[in-house]
Amino acid sequence: SGLTSLTAGASRIFEGGAVNQTVVEMERGFLFIMSISDGSSLAVLSHPEADIGLVGYEMALLVDRAGTVLTPDLRAELQGSLLN
């Protein structure tokens, strides 16, 4: 959430609009963060040799599909069932 807040703040300052995706390149791979419509985020780690365009594309498809199904209430219910 810290990285998401940082990129959102930078976007506001530079009038960049909504942040669609954040990519962090690391020595041993990539971290992708993509916003879901309700304010939550999807994070994915990949191998350094991964096709980052394909990873971003597949994430966008998943966000489009899951964003309408994984409501905050459903996520809370699922998380609650894991704790029991």
N, C-alpha and C. Protein backbone atom coordinates (compact mmCIF):
# COMPACT_ATOMS: atom_id res chain seq x y z
N SER A 1 0.82 -1.19 0.00
CA SER A 1 0.00 0.00 0.00
C SER A 1 0.86 1.25 0.00
N GLY A 2 2.05 1.17 0.58
CA GLY A 2 2.94 2.32 0.58
C GLY A 2 3.38 2.72 -0.81
N LEU A 3 3.74 1.74 -1.61
CA LEU A 3 4.17 2.01 -2.99
C LEU A 3 3.00 2.53 -3.82
N THR A 4 1.83 1.98 -3.60
CA THR A 4 0.64 2.45 -4.30
C THR A 4 0.35 3.90 -3.94
N SER A 5 0.46 4.25 -2.67
CA SER A 5 0.24 5.63 -2.23
C SER A 5 1.29 6.56 -2.81
N LEU A 6 2.54 6.12 -2.85
CA LEU A 6 3.62 6.94 -3.40
C LEU A 6 3.38 7.25 -4.87
N THR A 7 3.02 6.24 -5.65
CA THR A 7 2.80 6.48 -7.08
C THR A 7 1.55 7.33 -7.31
N ALA A 8 0.52 7.14 -6.50
CA ALA A 8 -0.69 7.96 -6.63
C ALA A 8 -0.37 9.42 -6.30
N GLY A 9 0.44 9.64 -5.27
CA GLY A 9 0.84 11.00 -4.91
C GLY A 9 1.66 11.66 -6.00
N ALA A 10 2.59 10.91 -6.57
CA ALA A 10 3.40 11.45 -7.68
C ALA A 10 2.52 11.79 -8.87
N SER A 11 1.55 10.95 -9.15
CA SER A 11 0.65 11.21 -10.26
C SER A 11 -0.18 12.47 -10.04
N ARG A 12 -0.62 12.67 -8.79
CA ARG A 12 -1.38 13.89 -8.47
C ARG A 12 -0.51 15.13 -8.67
N ILE A 13 0.71 15.09 -8.15
CA ILE A 13 1.61 16.24 -8.25
C ILE A 13 1.91 16.60 -9.70
N PHE A 14 2.13 15.59 -10.52
CA PHE A 14 2.48 15.82 -11.93
C PHE A 14 1.27 15.81 -12.85
N GLU A 15 0.07 15.78 -12.25
CA GLU A 15 -1.19 15.78 -13.01
C GLU A 15 -1.21 14.67 -14.06
N GLY A 16 -0.81 13.47 -13.63
CA GLY A 16 -0.71 12.34 -14.55
C GLY A 16 -1.98 11.51 -14.68
N GLY A 17 -3.00 11.84 -13.90
CA GLY A 17 -4.22 11.04 -13.95
C GLY A 17 -4.08 9.80 -13.07
N ALA A 18 -4.98 8.86 -13.27
CA ALA A 18 -4.99 7.64 -12.46
C ALA A 18 -3.77 6.78 -12.78
N VAL A 19 -3.22 6.14 -11.74
CA VAL A 19 -2.11 5.21 -11.93
C VAL A 19 -2.70 3.86 -12.31
N ASN A 20 -2.35 3.38 -13.48
CA ASN A 20 -2.86 2.10 -13.95
C ASN A 20 -2.01 0.93 -13.49
N GLN A 21 -0.69 1.14 -13.48
CA GLN A 21 0.22 0.04 -13.15
C GLN A 21 1.54 0.62 -12.66
N THR A 22 2.14 -0.06 -11.70
CA THR A 22 3.47 0.29 -11.22
C THR A 22 4.36 -0.92 -11.42
N VAL A 23 5.55 -0.70 -11.98
CA VAL A 23 6.50 -1.78 -12.21
C VAL A 23 7.80 -1.42 -11.51
N VAL A 24 8.29 -2.33 -10.67
CA VAL A 24 9.56 -2.14 -9.99
C VAL A 24 10.52 -3.19 -10.52
N GLU A 25 11.61 -2.74 -11.12
CA GLU A 25 12.63 -3.67 -11.63
C GLU A 25 13.65 -3.90 -10.53
N MET A 26 13.83 -5.16 -10.17
CA MET A 26 14.77 -5.54 -9.13
C MET A 26 15.86 -6.41 -9.74
N GLU A 27 16.89 -6.64 -9.01
CA GLU A 27 18.00 -7.46 -9.50
C GLU A 27 17.53 -8.86 -9.88
N ARG A 28 16.60 -9.40 -9.11
CA ARG A 28 16.18 -10.79 -9.33
C ARG A 28 14.74 -10.91 -9.81
N GLY A 29 14.21 -9.87 -10.40
CA GLY A 29 12.86 -9.97 -10.94
C GLY A 29 12.14 -8.64 -10.98
N PHE A 30 10.85 -8.72 -11.21
CA PHE A 30 10.00 -7.54 -11.31
C PHE A 30 8.84 -7.67 -10.33
N LEU A 31 8.40 -6.54 -9.82
CA LEU A 31 7.19 -6.45 -9.02
C LEU A 31 6.21 -5.58 -9.79
N PHE A 32 5.04 -6.11 -10.08
CA PHE A 32 3.98 -5.38 -10.78
C PHE A 32 2.85 -5.13 -9.80
N ILE A 33 2.33 -3.92 -9.79
CA ILE A 33 1.16 -3.59 -8.96
C ILE A 33 0.14 -2.92 -9.87
N MET A 34 -1.07 -3.44 -9.85
CA MET A 34 -2.14 -2.89 -10.69
C MET A 34 -3.36 -2.63 -9.81
N SER A 35 -3.96 -1.47 -9.99
CA SER A 35 -5.14 -1.09 -9.22
C SER A 35 -6.37 -1.83 -9.70
N ILE A 36 -7.22 -2.19 -8.73
CA ILE A 36 -8.52 -2.77 -9.01
C ILE A 36 -9.55 -1.67 -8.72
N SER A 37 -10.67 -1.70 -9.37
CA SER A 37 -11.64 -0.61 -9.34
C SER A 37 -12.07 -0.16 -7.95
N ASP A 38 -12.09 -1.04 -6.97
CA ASP A 38 -12.57 -0.67 -5.63
C ASP A 38 -11.48 -0.09 -4.74
N GLY A 39 -10.29 0.14 -5.28
CA GLY A 39 -9.20 0.71 -4.49
C GLY A 39 -8.20 -0.32 -4.00
N SER A 40 -8.49 -1.58 -4.17
CA SER A 40 -7.51 -2.61 -3.80
C SER A 40 -6.52 -2.78 -4.94
N SER A 41 -5.52 -3.63 -4.73
CA SER A 41 -4.46 -3.80 -5.73
C SER A 41 -4.14 -5.27 -5.93
N LEU A 42 -3.65 -5.57 -7.12
CA LEU A 42 -3.13 -6.89 -7.45
C LEU A 42 -1.62 -6.75 -7.60
N ALA A 43 -0.86 -7.57 -6.89
CA ALA A 43 0.60 -7.54 -6.98
C ALA A 43 1.09 -8.88 -7.52
N VAL A 44 2.06 -8.83 -8.42
CA VAL A 44 2.63 -10.02 -9.04
C VAL A 44 4.14 -9.89 -9.07
N LEU A 45 4.82 -10.97 -8.69
CA LEU A 45 6.28 -11.05 -8.82
C LEU A 45 6.61 -11.91 -10.02
N SER A 46 7.63 -11.51 -10.77
CA SER A 46 8.02 -12.31 -11.93
C SER A 46 9.52 -12.52 -11.97
N HIS A 47 9.92 -13.50 -12.73
CA HIS A 47 11.32 -13.80 -13.01
C HIS A 47 11.91 -12.65 -13.82
N PRO A 48 13.20 -12.38 -13.70
CA PRO A 48 13.80 -11.27 -14.45
C PRO A 48 13.74 -11.43 -15.96
N GLU A 49 13.59 -12.65 -16.44
CA GLU A 49 13.54 -12.88 -17.89
C GLU A 49 12.11 -12.98 -18.42
N ALA A 50 11.13 -12.69 -17.56
CA ALA A 50 9.73 -12.76 -17.98
C ALA A 50 9.43 -11.70 -19.03
N ASP A 51 8.45 -11.97 -19.86
CA ASP A 51 7.96 -11.00 -20.84
C ASP A 51 7.05 -10.03 -20.08
N ILE A 52 7.59 -8.87 -19.72
CA ILE A 52 6.83 -7.96 -18.86
C ILE A 52 5.59 -7.40 -19.55
N GLY A 53 5.61 -7.30 -20.86
CA GLY A 53 4.41 -6.89 -21.59
C GLY A 53 3.30 -7.90 -21.44
N LEU A 54 3.65 -9.17 -21.52
CA LEU A 54 2.67 -10.24 -21.37
C LEU A 54 2.15 -10.29 -19.93
N VAL A 55 3.05 -10.12 -18.96
CA VAL A 55 2.61 -10.12 -17.56
C VAL A 55 1.61 -8.99 -17.33
N GLY A 56 1.92 -7.79 -17.81
CA GLY A 56 1.01 -6.66 -17.66
C GLY A 56 -0.33 -6.90 -18.34
N TYR A 57 -0.29 -7.48 -19.52
CA TYR A 57 -1.52 -7.79 -20.27
C TYR A 57 -2.39 -8.78 -19.50
N GLU A 58 -1.78 -9.87 -19.02
CA GLU A 58 -2.54 -10.89 -18.29
C GLU A 58 -3.08 -10.33 -16.98
N MET A 59 -2.31 -9.46 -16.33
CA MET A 59 -2.81 -8.82 -15.11
C MET A 59 -4.04 -7.97 -15.41
N ALA A 60 -3.98 -7.21 -16.50
CA ALA A 60 -5.11 -6.36 -16.87
C ALA A 60 -6.36 -7.19 -17.13
N LEU A 61 -6.20 -8.34 -17.79
CA LEU A 61 -7.34 -9.23 -18.02
C LEU A 61 -7.92 -9.72 -16.70
N LEU A 62 -7.04 -10.13 -15.78
CA LEU A 62 -7.50 -10.63 -14.48
C LEU A 62 -8.20 -9.53 -13.69
N VAL A 63 -7.64 -8.33 -13.69
CA VAL A 63 -8.26 -7.21 -12.98
C VAL A 63 -9.64 -6.92 -13.55
N ASP A 64 -9.76 -6.93 -14.87
CA ASP A 64 -11.07 -6.69 -15.49
C ASP A 64 -12.08 -7.75 -15.09
N ARG A 65 -11.65 -8.99 -15.03
CA ARG A 65 -12.58 -10.09 -14.68
C ARG A 65 -12.88 -10.13 -13.19
N ALA A 66 -11.83 -10.06 -12.38
CA ALA A 66 -11.99 -10.23 -10.94
C ALA A 66 -12.50 -8.97 -10.26
N GLY A 67 -12.23 -7.81 -10.85
CA GLY A 67 -12.63 -6.56 -10.21
C GLY A 67 -14.12 -6.45 -9.98
N THR A 68 -14.91 -7.02 -10.85
CA THR A 68 -16.36 -6.96 -10.68
C THR A 68 -16.89 -8.06 -9.78
N VAL A 69 -16.10 -9.11 -9.58
CA VAL A 69 -16.54 -10.26 -8.79
C VAL A 69 -16.03 -10.18 -7.35
N LEU A 70 -14.78 -9.80 -7.19
CA LEU A 70 -14.19 -9.76 -5.86
C LEU A 70 -14.52 -8.44 -5.17
N THR A 71 -15.73 -8.34 -4.69
CA THR A 71 -16.17 -7.13 -3.98
C THR A 71 -15.52 -7.10 -2.60
N PRO A 72 -15.47 -5.94 -1.95
CA PRO A 72 -14.91 -5.88 -0.60
C PRO A 72 -15.61 -6.83 0.37
N ASP A 73 -16.94 -6.96 0.25
CA ASP A 73 -17.68 -7.86 1.14
C ASP A 73 -17.27 -9.32 0.93
N LEU A 74 -17.13 -9.73 -0.32
CA LEU A 74 -16.74 -11.10 -0.61
C LEU A 74 -15.32 -11.37 -0.12
N ARG A 75 -14.41 -10.42 -0.33
CA ARG A 75 -13.04 -10.62 0.14
C ARG A 75 -12.99 -10.74 1.65
N ALA A 76 -13.77 -9.92 2.35
CA ALA A 76 -13.82 -10.00 3.81
C ALA A 76 -14.36 -11.35 4.26
N GLU A 77 -15.38 -11.83 3.57
CA GLU A 77 -15.95 -13.14 3.90
C GLU A 77 -14.92 -14.25 3.68
N LEU A 78 -14.21 -14.20 2.57
CA LEU A 78 -13.20 -15.21 2.27
C LEU A 78 -12.05 -15.16 3.27
N GLN A 79 -11.62 -13.96 3.63
CA GLN A 79 -10.55 -13.82 4.62
C GLN A 79 -11.00 -14.35 5.97
N GLY A 80 -12.25 -14.08 6.33
CA GLY A 80 -12.79 -14.58 7.59
C GLY A 80 -12.84 -16.09 7.63
N SER A 81 -13.15 -16.71 6.51
CA SER A 81 -13.21 -18.18 6.48
C SER A 81 -11.82 -18.79 6.60
N LEU A 82 -10.79 -18.08 6.18
CA LEU A 82 -9.42 -18.59 6.33
C LEU A 82 -8.98 -18.58 7.78
N LEU A 83 -9.48 -17.64 8.55
CA LEU A 83 -9.08 -17.52 9.95
C LEU A 83 -9.78 -18.53 10.85
N ASN A 84 -10.88 -19.09 10.39
CA ASN A 84 -11.64 -20.05 11.21
C ASN A 84 -11.14 -21.45 11.06
